[in-house]
């Protein structure tokens, strides 16, 4: 039996709204949406946008950032890619491309405006929501995230136990982790405990 969420997944997989935008980037690539959600998920990971490796593989967080995220969560890849347990809803389903300097472009607002609210409504009340990075935090938390990622993540206890704001797990944030040792000392153990609780 096809559910509304299944229908949305098929629709997002076929989306080509940003074809002209992506063709004009330094990477000149075609859209490849990576929808990864299903009914009944216990954890929802809301991130920014796929990177090049995810674009090529067609699986979310299929890169070193994903390895670090799974370490923070205390789960293996088999659990992470089990759609009955974990759904992934980025602010852009497609890799946005690189600019002329080789930096990642931001997620096109059109993607979230088109799909995000509908997918969230179809998913229902997921027990644990991870908000990764500023784009996801601003969309989901609104004014509560206006002070920026560091302040939002530092206030993590005020959003729990359902919501955990996180920095992006990119290796580019290694310096941020060193400057903020409380993240791995306090937040990560609490996150792992909550992940274990909702998956049990």
Protein backbone atom coordinates (compact mmCIF):
# COMPACT_ATOMS: atom_id res chain seq x y z
CA UNK A 1 0.00 0.00 0.00
CA UNK A 2 1.41 3.36 -1.06
CA UNK A 3 1.44 5.99 1.69
CA UNK A 4 1.50 9.79 1.30
CA UNK A 5 5.14 9.66 2.35
CA UNK A 6 5.94 7.14 -0.38
CA UNK A 7 4.27 9.46 -2.88
CA UNK A 8 6.32 12.43 -1.64
CA UNK A 9 9.51 10.39 -1.90
CA UNK A 10 8.73 9.59 -5.54
CA UNK A 11 7.91 13.22 -6.25
CA UNK A 12 11.11 14.55 -4.69
CA UNK A 13 13.19 11.93 -6.50
CA UNK A 14 11.78 13.19 -9.80
CA UNK A 15 12.20 16.91 -8.97
CA UNK A 16 14.13 19.00 -11.51
CA UNK A 17 13.16 22.49 -10.35
CA UNK A 18 16.80 23.56 -9.95
CA UNK A 19 18.16 22.14 -13.23
CA UNK A 20 19.01 25.56 -14.68
CA UNK A 21 20.50 26.75 -11.38
CA UNK A 22 22.81 23.72 -11.12
CA UNK A 23 23.81 23.89 -14.78
CA UNK A 24 25.08 27.41 -14.11
CA UNK A 25 27.37 26.37 -11.23
CA UNK A 26 31.08 25.60 -11.52
CA UNK A 27 30.20 21.90 -11.40
CA UNK A 28 27.52 22.25 -14.13
CA UNK A 29 25.79 19.14 -12.82
CA UNK A 30 22.27 17.80 -13.24
CA UNK A 31 19.92 17.45 -10.25
CA UNK A 32 20.06 14.17 -8.37
CA UNK A 33 17.68 14.37 -5.40
CA UNK A 34 18.52 12.02 -2.53
CA UNK A 35 15.23 11.48 -0.65
CA UNK A 36 15.67 9.19 2.35
CA UNK A 37 12.55 8.93 4.46
CA UNK A 38 9.87 6.38 5.23
CA UNK A 39 6.89 5.95 7.58
CA UNK A 40 7.64 5.00 11.17
CA UNK A 41 11.20 6.34 11.47
CA UNK A 42 12.34 6.85 15.04
CA UNK A 43 15.00 9.46 14.23
CA UNK A 44 14.89 12.36 11.75
CA UNK A 45 18.19 13.89 10.66
CA UNK A 46 17.68 17.38 9.24
CA UNK A 47 20.82 18.63 7.56
CA UNK A 48 21.92 21.16 4.98
CA UNK A 49 22.44 19.56 1.56
CA UNK A 50 24.24 16.60 0.00
CA UNK A 51 27.89 16.99 -0.87
CA UNK A 52 29.56 15.69 -4.01
CA UNK A 53 30.14 12.18 -2.59
CA UNK A 54 26.49 11.86 -1.61
CA UNK A 55 25.49 13.15 -5.06
CA UNK A 56 27.58 10.42 -6.66
CA UNK A 57 26.49 7.63 -4.29
CA UNK A 58 22.81 8.50 -3.94
CA UNK A 59 22.92 7.88 -0.17
CA UNK A 60 22.81 10.62 2.49
CA UNK A 61 25.85 11.19 4.68
CA UNK A 62 27.82 8.66 2.64
CA UNK A 63 31.08 10.46 3.39
CA UNK A 64 33.43 11.32 6.27
CA UNK A 65 30.83 13.73 7.67
CA UNK A 66 28.44 10.81 7.90
CA UNK A 67 31.06 8.74 9.70
CA UNK A 68 31.45 11.47 12.29
CA UNK A 69 27.69 11.93 12.65
CA UNK A 70 27.17 8.20 13.21
CA UNK A 71 29.94 8.26 15.80
CA UNK A 72 28.18 11.11 17.62
CA UNK A 73 24.96 9.10 17.50
CA UNK A 74 26.65 5.88 18.62
CA UNK A 75 25.25 3.78 15.76
CA UNK A 76 26.69 1.89 12.81
CA UNK A 77 25.96 2.41 9.12
CA UNK A 78 23.55 -0.52 9.03
CA UNK A 79 21.35 1.14 11.63
CA UNK A 80 21.68 4.59 10.07
CA UNK A 81 20.57 3.38 6.64
CA UNK A 82 17.65 1.35 8.00
CA UNK A 83 14.69 3.41 6.77
CA UNK A 84 12.45 1.98 9.46
CA UNK A 85 14.72 3.66 12.02
CA UNK A 86 16.30 6.77 10.49
CA UNK A 87 14.97 9.29 7.98
CA UNK A 88 17.02 12.13 6.51
CA UNK A 89 15.48 15.45 5.47
CA UNK A 90 17.99 18.04 4.26
CA UNK A 91 17.19 21.63 3.39
CA UNK A 92 18.06 20.70 -0.17
CA UNK A 93 17.66 17.20 -1.55
CA UNK A 94 20.30 17.85 -4.23
CA UNK A 95 23.98 18.73 -4.19
CA UNK A 96 23.91 22.53 -4.78
CA UNK A 97 27.31 22.53 -6.53
CA UNK A 98 30.50 24.52 -6.07
CA UNK A 99 31.18 28.15 -6.77
CA UNK A 100 34.15 29.34 -8.84
CA UNK A 101 36.42 29.08 -5.76
CA UNK A 102 35.47 25.46 -5.15
CA UNK A 103 33.34 26.11 -2.07
CA UNK A 104 29.95 24.49 -1.48
CA UNK A 105 27.03 26.64 -2.50
CA UNK A 106 24.19 27.07 0.00
CA UNK A 107 21.03 24.98 -0.34
CA UNK A 108 18.57 26.66 -2.73
CA UNK A 109 15.63 28.01 -0.66
CA UNK A 110 13.24 26.75 -3.35
CA UNK A 111 13.82 23.14 -2.26
CA UNK A 112 12.75 23.58 1.35
CA UNK A 113 9.91 25.88 0.30
CA UNK A 114 8.61 23.20 -2.07
CA UNK A 115 9.06 20.02 -0.06
CA UNK A 116 10.02 20.46 3.58
CA UNK A 117 6.70 21.20 5.25
CA UNK A 118 4.90 18.44 3.35
CA UNK A 119 7.47 15.81 4.27
CA UNK A 120 7.49 16.92 7.91
CA UNK A 121 3.69 16.69 8.07
CA UNK A 122 3.68 13.24 6.48
CA UNK A 123 6.40 11.98 8.83
CA UNK A 124 4.40 13.00 11.87
CA UNK A 125 5.84 13.26 15.38
CA UNK A 126 9.25 11.59 15.07
CA UNK A 127 10.60 10.90 18.61
CA UNK A 128 14.08 12.35 17.96
CA UNK A 129 15.02 15.16 15.57
CA UNK A 130 18.64 16.16 14.92
CA UNK A 131 19.05 19.67 13.50
CA UNK A 132 22.43 19.89 11.82
CA UNK A 133 23.84 23.32 11.00
CA UNK A 134 22.40 26.78 10.75
CA UNK A 135 20.04 26.32 7.82
CA UNK A 136 18.12 23.45 9.45
CA UNK A 137 18.16 25.11 12.85
CA UNK A 138 16.72 28.38 11.51
CA UNK A 139 13.97 26.58 9.59
CA UNK A 140 12.88 24.40 12.50
CA UNK A 141 13.59 26.65 15.48
CA UNK A 142 13.00 30.10 14.01
CA UNK A 143 13.90 32.90 16.40
CA UNK A 144 15.38 30.40 18.88
CA UNK A 145 18.27 29.90 16.43
CA UNK A 146 18.86 33.54 15.55
CA UNK A 147 22.04 33.81 17.66
CA UNK A 148 23.88 31.31 15.45
CA UNK A 149 24.97 27.69 15.53
CA UNK A 150 27.34 27.85 18.51
CA UNK A 151 24.76 29.49 20.81
CA UNK A 152 21.95 27.22 19.58
CA UNK A 153 23.99 24.06 20.13
CA UNK A 154 25.21 25.33 23.50
CA UNK A 155 21.55 25.68 24.54
CA UNK A 156 20.83 22.06 23.54
CA UNK A 157 19.32 21.08 26.90
CA UNK A 158 16.54 23.59 26.37
CA UNK A 159 15.35 21.78 23.23
CA UNK A 160 15.45 18.19 24.48
CA UNK A 161 14.66 15.46 24.73
CA UNK A 162 13.06 15.47 21.26
CA UNK A 163 15.34 17.97 19.50
CA UNK A 164 19.14 18.04 19.46
CA UNK A 165 20.79 20.92 17.56
CA UNK A 166 24.22 19.91 16.26
CA UNK A 167 27.08 21.53 14.37
CA UNK A 168 27.78 20.16 10.94
CA UNK A 169 29.93 17.02 11.31
CA UNK A 170 32.26 18.14 8.52
CA UNK A 171 35.95 17.72 9.25
CA UNK A 172 36.20 21.44 8.59
CA UNK A 173 34.59 21.87 12.02
CA UNK A 174 37.37 20.06 13.87
CA UNK A 175 38.69 23.40 15.14
CA UNK A 176 35.19 24.27 16.40
CA UNK A 177 35.08 21.02 18.36
CA UNK A 178 38.43 21.81 19.96
CA UNK A 179 37.19 25.27 20.96
CA UNK A 180 34.00 23.82 22.41
CA UNK A 181 35.01 20.70 24.38
CA UNK A 182 31.63 20.66 26.17
CA UNK A 183 30.08 19.35 22.95
CA UNK A 184 31.83 15.96 23.05
CA UNK A 185 31.98 15.86 26.86
CA UNK A 186 28.33 16.67 27.58
CA UNK A 187 26.10 16.73 24.50
CA UNK A 188 27.41 13.64 22.68
CA UNK A 189 26.88 11.23 25.62
CA UNK A 190 23.35 12.61 26.08
CA UNK A 191 22.69 12.22 22.35
CA UNK A 192 23.90 8.62 22.33
CA UNK A 193 21.70 7.80 25.31
CA UNK A 194 18.66 9.35 23.62
CA UNK A 195 19.38 7.56 20.32
CA UNK A 196 19.64 4.25 22.17
CA UNK A 197 16.40 5.00 24.00
CA UNK A 198 14.32 5.76 20.90
CA UNK A 199 15.75 2.81 18.94
CA UNK A 200 15.22 0.27 21.75
